[in-house]
């Protein structure tokens, strides 16, 4: 488990994330996401949708190892997450770069 996953779990408990591809995509498109996280095990269609939306909106996108998002948030089958801008988001970006 990476240090980013610990912060992702904290952000989930604080209500600062949108979990799942559909909700994450909605947050990215509306401009309310500061960071998008994508599971390496996500389907090619999901990866393309999320990456295109992030490129268009200028949102940072990072891939996490398979199963990390689900493990960090305690919910099975989550392949994408959007983190709202704020201090948790900034710290995650620092750890990912």
Protein backbone atom coordinates (compact mmCIF):
# COMPACT_ATOMS: atom_id res chain seq x y z
CA UNK A 1 0.00 0.00 0.00
CA UNK A 2 1.42 3.36 -1.03
CA UNK A 3 1.39 6.52 1.14
CA UNK A 4 -1.07 8.08 -1.31
CA UNK A 5 -3.57 5.34 -0.47
CA UNK A 6 -3.52 6.33 3.19
CA UNK A 7 -4.39 9.88 2.24
CA UNK A 8 -7.03 8.62 -0.20
CA UNK A 9 -8.68 6.67 2.61
CA UNK A 10 -8.66 9.77 4.78
CA UNK A 11 -10.15 11.84 1.94
CA UNK A 12 -12.90 9.21 1.47
CA UNK A 13 -13.82 9.38 5.14
CA UNK A 14 -13.81 13.19 4.98
CA UNK A 15 -16.17 13.21 2.01
CA UNK A 16 -13.59 14.76 -0.31
CA UNK A 17 -13.76 12.11 -3.05
CA UNK A 18 -16.09 10.90 -5.75
CA UNK A 19 -15.68 7.13 -6.10
CA UNK A 20 -16.44 5.15 -9.21
CA UNK A 21 -15.92 5.98 -12.86
CA UNK A 22 -19.28 7.70 -13.41
CA UNK A 23 -19.13 9.94 -10.34
CA UNK A 24 -15.46 10.76 -10.92
CA UNK A 25 -16.18 11.68 -14.54
CA UNK A 26 -19.05 13.91 -13.44
CA UNK A 27 -16.80 15.73 -10.94
CA UNK A 28 -14.01 16.17 -13.50
CA UNK A 29 -16.38 17.54 -16.14
CA UNK A 30 -17.98 19.96 -13.68
CA UNK A 31 -14.57 21.33 -12.64
CA UNK A 32 -14.81 20.18 -9.03
CA UNK A 33 -11.83 17.78 -9.15
CA UNK A 34 -8.24 18.62 -8.34
CA UNK A 35 -6.87 15.13 -8.90
CA UNK A 36 -8.09 12.00 -10.67
CA UNK A 37 -6.88 8.54 -9.71
CA UNK A 38 -7.35 5.55 -11.97
CA UNK A 39 -6.83 1.86 -11.26
CA UNK A 40 -4.53 0.00 -13.66
CA UNK A 41 -7.14 -2.75 -13.87
CA UNK A 42 -9.81 -0.42 -15.29
CA UNK A 43 -11.18 -1.15 -18.75
CA UNK A 44 -9.74 0.63 -21.78
CA UNK A 45 -12.99 2.56 -22.29
CA UNK A 46 -12.95 3.87 -18.73
CA UNK A 47 -9.28 4.83 -19.02
CA UNK A 48 -9.97 6.73 -22.25
CA UNK A 49 -13.02 8.59 -20.88
CA UNK A 50 -11.25 9.67 -17.70
CA UNK A 51 -7.98 10.61 -19.42
CA UNK A 52 -9.75 12.64 -22.14
CA UNK A 53 -11.81 14.53 -19.55
CA UNK A 54 -8.70 15.22 -17.46
CA UNK A 55 -6.75 16.45 -20.47
CA UNK A 56 -9.57 18.77 -21.51
CA UNK A 57 -10.12 20.19 -17.99
CA UNK A 58 -6.46 20.29 -16.95
CA UNK A 59 -6.90 17.88 -14.04
CA UNK A 60 -3.89 15.81 -12.93
CA UNK A 61 -4.36 12.09 -13.62
CA UNK A 62 -2.36 9.34 -11.94
CA UNK A 63 -2.52 5.57 -12.24
CA UNK A 64 -2.46 3.42 -9.12
CA UNK A 65 -1.66 -0.30 -8.89
CA UNK A 66 -4.62 -2.63 -9.32
CA UNK A 67 -6.91 -2.75 -6.31
CA UNK A 68 -5.37 0.20 -4.42
CA UNK A 69 -8.40 2.51 -4.75
CA UNK A 70 -10.79 -0.18 -3.51
CA UNK A 71 -8.47 -1.10 -0.66
CA UNK A 72 -7.94 2.50 0.45
CA UNK A 73 -11.64 3.37 0.46
CA UNK A 74 -12.97 0.05 1.73
CA UNK A 75 -15.36 -0.45 -1.19
CA UNK A 76 -14.98 -3.24 -3.71
CA UNK A 77 -14.81 -2.66 -7.44
CA UNK A 78 -13.89 1.04 -7.48
CA UNK A 79 -11.72 1.77 -10.50
CA UNK A 80 -11.59 5.57 -10.41
CA UNK A 81 -11.66 8.38 -7.89
CA UNK A 82 -11.75 12.15 -8.14
CA UNK A 83 -10.39 14.15 -5.22
CA UNK A 84 -11.72 17.64 -4.55
CA UNK A 85 -9.18 20.48 -4.44
CA UNK A 86 -7.76 21.22 -1.02
CA UNK A 87 -4.90 20.36 1.31
CA UNK A 88 -5.37 16.58 1.00
CA UNK A 89 -5.33 16.89 -2.77
CA UNK A 90 -2.16 19.02 -2.67
CA UNK A 91 -0.40 16.52 -0.43
CA UNK A 92 -1.36 13.63 -2.71
CA UNK A 93 0.01 15.52 -5.71
CA UNK A 94 3.27 16.13 -3.84
CA UNK A 95 3.61 12.43 -3.06
CA UNK A 96 2.79 11.38 -6.62
CA UNK A 97 5.31 13.71 -8.27
